[in-house]
Amino acid sequence: MKEFFIHDKPVAQAIVRPEMMARIVDVQTFLQKYPLKNLKESFAITVENDPYAPWNEGTFELKKTEQLQIQKVTSTSLPELKT
């Protein structure tokens, strides 16, 4: 077994499988922590239906100012991405 890790490429094969997935558990926290430093314009993200995490449903505005502002709102006039 030790010899397996000596090779230049110890992982022989990586496969993306359709039954595996990752998800964002908390949209607002993710947006606040994700480094969006190069954001060029303000916009909104609307999550219309999340049966596994209903707290993610709603509209989140990402406003480009000196400091990026992210807040959950009831409606928006910003360009909107809907999921």
PDB file of N, CA and C in Angstrom:
ATOM      1  N   MET A   1       0.824  -1.193   0.000  1.00  0.00           N
ATOM      2  CA  MET A   1       0.000   0.000   0.000  1.00  0.00           C
ATOM      3  C   MET A   1       0.865   1.253   0.000  1.00  0.00           C
ATOM      4  N   LYS A   2       1.979   1.237   0.679  1.00  0.00           N
ATOM      5  CA  LYS A   2       2.854   2.396   0.764  1.00  0.00           C
ATOM      6  C   LYS A   2       3.347   2.825  -0.619  1.00  0.00           C
ATOM      7  N   GLU A   3       3.560   1.874  -1.505  1.00  0.00           N
ATOM      8  CA  GLU A   3       4.057   2.175  -2.841  1.00  0.00           C
ATOM      9  C   GLU A   3       3.065   2.993  -3.653  1.00  0.00           C
ATOM     10  N   PHE A   4       1.796   2.899  -3.340  1.00  0.00           N
ATOM     11  CA  PHE A   4       0.760   3.628  -4.065  1.00  0.00           C
ATOM     12  C   PHE A   4       0.998   5.143  -4.004  1.00  0.00           C
ATOM     13  N   PHE A   5       1.469   5.655  -2.875  1.00  0.00           N
ATOM     14  CA  PHE A   5       1.667   7.086  -2.685  1.00  0.00           C
ATOM     15  C   PHE A   5       3.003   7.577  -3.230  1.00  0.00           C
ATOM     16  N   ILE A   6       3.861   6.703  -3.650  1.00  0.00           N
ATOM     17  CA  ILE A   6       5.152   7.085  -4.207  1.00  0.00           C
ATOM     18  C   ILE A   6       5.021   7.549  -5.657  1.00  0.00           C
ATOM     19  N   HIS A   7       4.012   7.103  -6.353  1.00  0.00           N
ATOM     20  CA  HIS A   7       3.829   7.447  -7.757  1.00  0.00           C
ATOM     21  C   HIS A   7       3.620   8.951  -7.949  1.00  0.00           C
ATOM     22  N   ASP A   8       3.994   9.462  -9.138  1.00  0.00           N
ATOM     23  CA  ASP A   8       3.783  10.874  -9.458  1.00  0.00           C
ATOM     24  C   ASP A   8       2.309  11.239  -9.432  1.00  0.00           C
ATOM     25  N   LYS A   9       1.472  10.364  -9.923  1.00  0.00           N
ATOM     26  CA  LYS A   9       0.019  10.586  -9.958  1.00  0.00           C
ATOM     27  C   LYS A   9      -0.668   9.482  -9.162  1.00  0.00           C
ATOM     28  N   PRO A  10      -0.803   9.655  -7.837  1.00  0.00           N
ATOM     29  CA  PRO A  10      -1.363   8.577  -7.013  1.00  0.00           C
ATOM     30  C   PRO A  10      -2.834   8.291  -7.294  1.00  0.00           C
ATOM     31  N   VAL A  11      -3.580   9.259  -7.829  1.00  0.00           N
ATOM     32  CA  VAL A  11      -4.982   9.005  -8.156  1.00  0.00           C
ATOM     33  C   VAL A  11      -5.040   8.560  -9.606  1.00  0.00           C
ATOM     34  N   ALA A  12      -5.461   7.356  -9.824  1.00  0.00           N
ATOM     35  CA  ALA A  12      -5.466   6.788 -11.168  1.00  0.00           C
ATOM     36  C   ALA A  12      -6.585   7.363 -12.018  1.00  0.00           C
ATOM     37  N   GLN A  13      -7.749   7.636 -11.417  1.00  0.00           N
ATOM     38  CA  GLN A  13      -8.888   8.074 -12.203  1.00  0.00           C
ATOM     39  C   GLN A  13      -9.880   8.818 -11.309  1.00  0.00           C
ATOM     40  N   ALA A  14     -10.422   9.913 -11.831  1.00  0.00           N
ATOM     41  CA  ALA A  14     -11.481  10.643 -11.135  1.00  0.00           C
ATOM     42  C   ALA A  14     -12.687  10.677 -12.055  1.00  0.00           C
ATOM     43  N   ILE A  15     -13.857  10.387 -11.518  1.00  0.00           N
ATOM     44  CA  ILE A  15     -15.071  10.294 -12.317  1.00  0.00           C
ATOM     45  C   ILE A  15     -16.141  11.186 -11.693  1.00  0.00           C
ATOM     46  N   VAL A  16     -16.830  11.969 -12.537  1.00  0.00           N
ATOM     47  CA  VAL A  16     -17.989  12.723 -12.087  1.00  0.00           C
ATOM     48  C   VAL A  16     -19.202  11.834 -12.307  1.00  0.00           C
ATOM     49  N   ARG A  17     -19.935  11.584 -11.241  1.00  0.00           N
ATOM     50  CA  ARG A  17     -21.079  10.687 -11.319  1.00  0.00           C
ATOM     51  C   ARG A  17     -22.356  11.481 -11.080  1.00  0.00           C
ATOM     52  N   PRO A  18     -23.432  11.190 -11.814  1.00  0.00           N
ATOM     53  CA  PRO A  18     -24.657  11.982 -11.700  1.00  0.00           C
ATOM     54  C   PRO A  18     -25.368  11.854 -10.357  1.00  0.00           C
ATOM     55  N   GLU A  19     -25.116  10.793  -9.616  1.00  0.00           N
ATOM     56  CA  GLU A  19     -25.808  10.652  -8.331  1.00  0.00           C
ATOM     57  C   GLU A  19     -25.103  11.391  -7.194  1.00  0.00           C
ATOM     58  N   MET A  20     -23.988  12.039  -7.506  1.00  0.00           N
ATOM     59  CA  MET A  20     -23.266  12.812  -6.498  1.00  0.00           C
ATOM     60  C   MET A  20     -23.524  14.284  -6.752  1.00  0.00           C
ATOM     61  N   MET A  21     -23.711  15.068  -5.692  1.00  0.00           N
ATOM     62  CA  MET A  21     -23.920  16.494  -5.878  1.00  0.00           C
ATOM     63  C   MET A  21     -23.471  17.257  -4.650  1.00  0.00           C
ATOM     64  N   ALA A  22     -23.258  18.521  -4.854  1.00  0.00           N
ATOM     65  CA  ALA A  22     -22.966  19.436  -3.762  1.00  0.00           C
ATOM     66  C   ALA A  22     -24.044  20.507  -3.795  1.00  0.00           C
ATOM     67  N   ARG A  23     -24.316  21.075  -2.671  1.00  0.00           N
ATOM     68  CA  ARG A  23     -25.322  22.131  -2.655  1.00  0.00           C
ATOM     69  C   ARG A  23     -24.930  23.207  -1.653  1.00  0.00           C
ATOM     70  N   ILE A  24     -25.446  24.390  -1.890  1.00  0.00           N
ATOM     71  CA  ILE A  24     -25.249  25.486  -0.954  1.00  0.00           C
ATOM     72  C   ILE A  24     -26.337  25.351   0.102  1.00  0.00           C
ATOM     73  N   VAL A  25     -25.932  25.214   1.345  1.00  0.00           N
ATOM     74  CA  VAL A  25     -26.879  24.968   2.427  1.00  0.00           C
ATOM     75  C   VAL A  25     -27.556  26.270   2.865  1.00  0.00           C
ATOM     76  N   ASP A  26     -26.826  27.375   2.829  1.00  0.00           N
ATOM     77  CA  ASP A  26     -27.362  28.671   3.245  1.00  0.00           C
ATOM     78  C   ASP A  26     -26.908  29.716   2.235  1.00  0.00           C
ATOM     79  N   VAL A  27     -27.791  30.129   1.334  1.00  0.00           N
ATOM     80  CA  VAL A  27     -27.433  31.043   0.238  1.00  0.00           C
ATOM     81  C   VAL A  27     -26.863  32.351   0.758  1.00  0.00           C
ATOM     82  N   GLN A  28     -27.515  32.964   1.731  1.00  0.00           N
ATOM     83  CA  GLN A  28     -27.064  34.268   2.215  1.00  0.00           C
ATOM     84  C   GLN A  28     -25.668  34.183   2.828  1.00  0.00           C
ATOM     85  N   THR A  29     -25.404  33.191   3.642  1.00  0.00           N
ATOM     86  CA  THR A  29     -24.074  33.027   4.237  1.00  0.00           C
ATOM     87  C   THR A  29     -23.031  32.757   3.154  1.00  0.00           C
ATOM     88  N   PHE A  30     -23.372  31.928   2.174  1.00  0.00           N
ATOM     89  CA  PHE A  30     -22.448  31.643   1.079  1.00  0.00           C
ATOM     90  C   PHE A  30     -22.083  32.927   0.344  1.00  0.00           C
ATOM     91  N   LEU A  31     -23.074  33.735   0.009  1.00  0.00           N
ATOM     92  CA  LEU A  31     -22.806  34.966  -0.730  1.00  0.00           C
ATOM     93  C   LEU A  31     -21.950  35.934   0.082  1.00  0.00           C
ATOM     94  N   GLN A  32     -22.150  35.964   1.389  1.00  0.00           N
ATOM     95  CA  GLN A  32     -21.361  36.862   2.240  1.00  0.00           C
ATOM     96  C   GLN A  32     -19.911  36.406   2.360  1.00  0.00           C
ATOM     97  N   LYS A  33     -19.665  35.109   2.275  1.00  0.00           N
ATOM     98  CA  LYS A  33     -18.312  34.583   2.440  1.00  0.00           C
ATOM     99  C   LYS A  33     -17.562  34.403   1.128  1.00  0.00           C
ATOM    100  N   TYR A  34     -18.312  34.284   0.001  1.00  0.00           N
ATOM    101  CA  TYR A  34     -17.669  34.052  -1.288  1.00  0.00           C
ATOM    102  C   TYR A  34     -16.985  35.335  -1.752  1.00  0.00           C
ATOM    103  N   PRO A  35     -15.742  35.252  -2.203  1.00  0.00           N
ATOM    104  CA  PRO A  35     -15.014  36.468  -2.590  1.00  0.00           C
ATOM    105  C   PRO A  35     -15.496  37.030  -3.937  1.00  0.00           C
ATOM    106  N   LEU A  36     -16.435  37.960  -3.886  1.00  0.00           N
ATOM    107  CA  LEU A  36     -16.976  38.584  -5.095  1.00  0.00           C
ATOM    108  C   LEU A  36     -16.323  39.954  -5.309  1.00  0.00           C
ATOM    109  N   LYS A  37     -15.014  40.010  -5.229  1.00  0.00           N
ATOM    110  CA  LYS A  37     -14.286  41.276  -5.300  1.00  0.00           C
ATOM    111  C   LYS A  37     -14.357  41.914  -6.680  1.00  0.00           C
ATOM    112  N   ASN A  38     -14.515  41.126  -7.733  1.00  0.00           N
ATOM    113  CA  ASN A  38     -14.508  41.658  -9.090  1.00  0.00           C
ATOM    114  C   ASN A  38     -15.909  41.898  -9.634  1.00  0.00           C
ATOM    115  N   LEU A  39     -16.888  42.023  -8.771  1.00  0.00           N
ATOM    116  CA  LEU A  39     -18.253  42.260  -9.199  1.00  0.00           C
ATOM    117  C   LEU A  39     -18.326  43.610  -9.917  1.00  0.00           C
ATOM    118  N   LYS A  40     -18.826  43.604 -11.152  1.00  0.00           N
ATOM    119  CA  LYS A  40     -18.857  44.821 -11.955  1.00  0.00           C
ATOM    120  C   LYS A  40     -20.170  45.585 -11.822  1.00  0.00           C
ATOM    121  N   GLU A  41     -21.271  44.901 -11.595  1.00  0.00           N
ATOM    122  CA  GLU A  41     -22.591  45.524 -11.500  1.00  0.00           C
ATOM    123  C   GLU A  41     -23.386  44.903 -10.361  1.00  0.00           C
ATOM    124  N   SER A  42     -24.299  45.662  -9.823  1.00  0.00           N
ATOM    125  CA  SER A  42     -25.223  45.132  -8.819  1.00  0.00           C
ATOM    126  C   SER A  42     -26.259  44.251  -9.503  1.00  0.00           C
ATOM    127  N   PHE A  43     -26.704  43.200  -8.822  1.00  0.00           N
ATOM    128  CA  PHE A  43     -27.751  42.333  -9.347  1.00  0.00           C
ATOM    129  C   PHE A  43     -28.405  41.581  -8.197  1.00  0.00           C
ATOM    130  N   ALA A  44     -29.448  40.832  -8.524  1.00  0.00           N
ATOM    131  CA  ALA A  44     -30.166  40.064  -7.505  1.00  0.00           C
ATOM    132  C   ALA A  44     -30.253  38.607  -7.928  1.00  0.00           C
ATOM    133  N   ILE A  45     -30.295  37.734  -6.947  1.00  0.00           N
ATOM    134  CA  ILE A  45     -30.499  36.305  -7.167  1.00  0.00           C
ATOM    135  C   ILE A  45     -31.791  35.919  -6.458  1.00  0.00           C
ATOM    136  N   THR A  46     -32.698  35.292  -7.198  1.00  0.00           N
ATOM    137  CA  THR A  46     -33.954  34.837  -6.600  1.00  0.00           C
ATOM    138  C   THR A  46     -34.002  33.316  -6.634  1.00  0.00           C
ATOM    139  N   VAL A  47     -34.167  32.725  -5.461  1.00  0.00           N
ATOM    140  CA  VAL A  47     -34.353  31.278  -5.341  1.00  0.00           C
ATOM    141  C   VAL A  47     -35.858  31.074  -5.179  1.00  0.00           C
ATOM    142  N   GLU A  48     -36.483  30.498  -6.197  1.00  0.00           N
ATOM    143  CA  GLU A  48     -37.935  30.377  -6.189  1.00  0.00           C
ATOM    144  C   GLU A  48     -38.444  29.180  -5.397  1.00  0.00           C
ATOM    145  N   ASN A  49     -37.693  28.084  -5.413  1.00  0.00           N
ATOM    146  CA  ASN A  49     -38.180  26.887  -4.732  1.00  0.00           C
ATOM    147  C   ASN A  49     -36.993  26.048  -4.273  1.00  0.00           C
ATOM    148  N   ASP A  50     -36.894  25.831  -2.983  1.00  0.00           N
ATOM    149  CA  ASP A  50     -35.869  24.955  -2.431  1.00  0.00           C
ATOM    150  C   ASP A  50     -36.538  24.083  -1.371  1.00  0.00           C
ATOM    151  N   PRO A  51     -37.066  22.921  -1.785  1.00  0.00           N
ATOM    152  CA  PRO A  51     -37.816  22.088  -0.839  1.00  0.00           C
ATOM    153  C   PRO A  51     -36.964  21.530   0.303  1.00  0.00           C
ATOM    154  N   TYR A  52     -35.660  21.453   0.123  1.00  0.00           N
ATOM    155  CA  TYR A  52     -34.783  20.901   1.169  1.00  0.00           C
ATOM    156  C   TYR A  52     -34.278  21.964   2.130  1.00  0.00           C
ATOM    157  N   ALA A  53     -34.267  23.227   1.694  1.00  0.00           N
ATOM    158  CA  ALA A  53     -33.797  24.323   2.550  1.00  0.00           C
ATOM    159  C   ALA A  53     -34.656  25.552   2.268  1.00  0.00           C
ATOM    160  N   PRO A  54     -35.885  25.584   2.777  1.00  0.00           N
ATOM    161  CA  PRO A  54     -36.808  26.671   2.452  1.00  0.00           C
ATOM    162  C   PRO A  54     -36.320  28.061   2.882  1.00  0.00           C
ATOM    163  N   TRP A  55     -35.371  28.129   3.811  1.00  0.00           N
ATOM    164  CA  TRP A  55     -34.830  29.415   4.231  1.00  0.00           C
ATOM    165  C   TRP A  55     -34.034  30.082   3.099  1.00  0.00           C
ATOM    166  N   ASN A  56     -33.677  29.314   2.062  1.00  0.00           N
ATOM    167  CA  ASN A  56     -32.970  29.882   0.917  1.00  0.00           C
ATOM    168  C   ASN A  56     -33.905  30.562  -0.068  1.00  0.00           C
ATOM    169  N   GLU A  57     -35.188  30.327   0.052  1.00  0.00           N
ATOM    170  CA  GLU A  57     -36.134  30.911  -0.890  1.00  0.00           C
ATOM    171  C   GLU A  57     -36.246  32.411  -0.652  1.00  0.00           C
ATOM    172  N   GLY A  58     -36.226  33.169  -1.742  1.00  0.00           N
ATOM    173  CA  GLY A  58     -36.347  34.616  -1.648  1.00  0.00           C
ATOM    174  C   GLY A  58     -35.376  35.287  -2.593  1.00  0.00           C
ATOM    175  N   THR A  59     -35.298  36.600  -2.482  1.00  0.00           N
ATOM    176  CA  THR A  59     -34.452  37.406  -3.353  1.00  0.00           C
ATOM    177  C   THR A  59     -33.312  38.007  -2.542  1.00  0.00           C
ATOM    178  N   PHE A  60     -32.108  37.846  -3.053  1.00  0.00           N
ATOM    179  CA  PHE A  60     -30.905  38.349  -2.410  1.00  0.00           C
ATOM    180  C   PHE A  60     -30.254  39.375  -3.328  1.00  0.00           C
ATOM    181  N   GLU A  61     -30.124  40.602  -2.847  1.00  0.00           N
ATOM    182  CA  GLU A  61     -29.476  41.651  -3.639  1.00  0.00           C
ATOM    183  C   GLU A  61     -27.985  41.695  -3.334  1.00  0.00           C
ATOM    184  N   LEU A  62     -27.201  41.801  -4.383  1.00  0.00           N
ATOM    185  CA  LEU A  62     -25.759  41.985  -4.264  1.00  0.00           C
ATOM    186  C   LEU A  62     -25.470  43.373  -4.828  1.00  0.00           C
ATOM    187  N   LYS A  63     -25.222  44.331  -3.953  1.00  0.00           N
ATOM    188  CA  LYS A  63     -25.021  45.718  -4.372  1.00  0.00           C
ATOM    189  C   LYS A  63     -23.550  46.061  -4.347  1.00  0.00           C
ATOM    190  N   LYS A  64     -23.073  46.542  -5.500  1.00  0.00           N
ATOM    191  CA  LYS A  64     -21.669  46.926  -5.632  1.00  0.00           C
ATOM    192  C   LYS A  64     -21.502  48.337  -5.074  1.00  0.00           C
ATOM    193  N   THR A  65     -20.813  48.435  -3.977  1.00  0.00           N
ATOM    194  CA  THR A  65     -20.426  49.707  -3.370  1.00  0.00           C
ATOM    195  C   THR A  65     -18.968  49.549  -2.980  1.00  0.00           C
ATOM    196  N   GLU A  66     -18.439  50.426  -2.156  1.00  0.00           N
ATOM    197  CA  GLU A  66     -17.059  50.240  -1.695  1.00  0.00           C
ATOM    198  C   GLU A  66     -16.907  48.880  -1.013  1.00  0.00           C
ATOM    199  N   GLN A  67     -17.876  48.528  -0.204  1.00  0.00           N
ATOM    200  CA  GLN A  67     -17.961  47.202   0.407  1.00  0.00           C
ATOM    201  C   GLN A  67     -19.180  46.527  -0.197  1.00  0.00           C
ATOM    202  N   LEU A  68     -19.053  45.305  -0.660  1.00  0.00           N
ATOM    203  CA  LEU A  68     -20.182  44.588  -1.242  1.00  0.00           C
ATOM    204  C   LEU A  68     -21.270  44.417  -0.186  1.00  0.00           C
ATOM    205  N   GLN A  69     -22.500  44.799  -0.530  1.00  0.00           N
ATOM    206  CA  GLN A  69     -23.630  44.650   0.382  1.00  0.00           C
ATOM    207  C   GLN A  69     -24.529  43.536  -0.123  1.00  0.00           C
ATOM    208  N   ILE A  70     -24.868  42.607   0.758  1.00  0.00           N
ATOM    209  CA  ILE A  70     -25.745  41.497   0.413  1.00  0.00           C
ATOM    210  C   ILE A  70     -26.876  41.475   1.421  1.00  0.00           C
ATOM    211  N   GLN A  71     -28.108  41.522   0.894  1.00  0.00           N
ATOM    212  CA  GLN A  71     -29.250  41.469   1.803  1.00  0.00           C
ATOM    213  C   GLN A  71     -30.422  40.773   1.142  1.00  0.00           C
ATOM    214  N   LYS A  72     -31.239  40.158   1.971  1.00  0.00           N
ATOM    215  CA  LYS A  72     -32.453  39.500   1.504  1.00  0.00           C
ATOM    216  C   LYS A  72     -33.553  40.548   1.492  1.00  0.00           C
ATOM    217  N   VAL A  73     -34.272  40.642   0.353  1.00  0.00           N
ATOM    218  CA  VAL A  73     -35.312  41.656   0.190  1.00  0.00           C
ATOM    219  C   VAL A  73     -36.608  40.998  -0.277  1.00  0.00           C
ATOM    220  N   THR A  74     -37.707  41.728  -0.186  1.00  0.00           N
ATOM    221  CA  THR A  74     -38.990  41.192  -0.644  1.00  0.00           C
ATOM    222  C   THR A  74     -39.208  41.436  -2.131  1.00  0.00           C
ATOM    223  N   SER A  75     -38.602  42.497  -2.682  1.00  0.00           N
ATOM    224  CA  SER A  75     -38.672  42.760  -4.110  1.00  0.00           C
ATOM    225  C   SER A  75     -37.429  43.538  -4.518  1.00  0.00           C
ATOM    226  N   THR A  76     -37.149  43.568  -5.821  1.00  0.00           N
ATOM    227  CA  THR A  76     -35.940  44.239  -6.301  1.00  0.00           C
ATOM    228  C   THR A  76     -36.186  44.893  -7.644  1.00  0.00           C
ATOM    229  N   SER A  77     -35.426  45.939  -7.915  1.00  0.00           N
ATOM    230  CA  SER A  77     -35.451  46.578  -9.228  1.00  0.00           C
ATOM    231  C   SER A  77     -34.160  46.293  -9.981  1.00  0.00           C
ATOM    232  N   LEU A  78     -33.277  45.507  -9.374  1.00  0.00           N
ATOM    233  CA  LEU A  78     -31.993  45.159  -9.988  1.00  0.00           C
ATOM    234  C   LEU A  78     -32.202  44.047 -11.031  1.00  0.00           C
ATOM    235  N   PRO A  79     -31.258  43.919 -11.980  1.00  0.00           N
ATOM    236  CA  PRO A  79     -31.293  42.752 -12.869  1.00  0.00           C
ATOM    237  C   PRO A  79     -31.301  41.495 -12.007  1.00  0.00           C
ATOM    238  N   GLU A  80     -32.065  40.493 -12.437  1.00  0.00           N
ATOM    239  CA  GLU A  80     -32.340  39.362 -11.546  1.00  0.00           C
ATOM    240  C   GLU A  80     -32.024  38.027 -12.211  1.00  0.00           C
ATOM    241  N   LEU A  81     -31.332  37.173 -11.467  1.00  0.00           N
ATOM    242  CA  LEU A  81     -31.088  35.788 -11.865  1.00  0.00           C
ATOM    243  C   LEU A  81     -32.030  34.934 -11.040  1.00  0.00           C
ATOM    244  N   LYS A  82     -32.878  34.149 -11.731  1.00  0.00           N
ATOM    245  CA  LYS A  82     -33.829  33.292 -11.017  1.00  0.00           C
ATOM    246  C   LYS A  82     -33.424  31.847 -11.142  1.00  0.00           C
ATOM    247  N   THR A  83     -33.506  31.121 -10.025  1.00  0.00           N
ATOM    248  CA  THR A  83     -33.199  29.693 -10.052  1.00  0.00           C
ATOM    249  C   THR A  83     -34.413  28.908  -9.610  1.00  0.00           C
TER     250      THR A  83
END
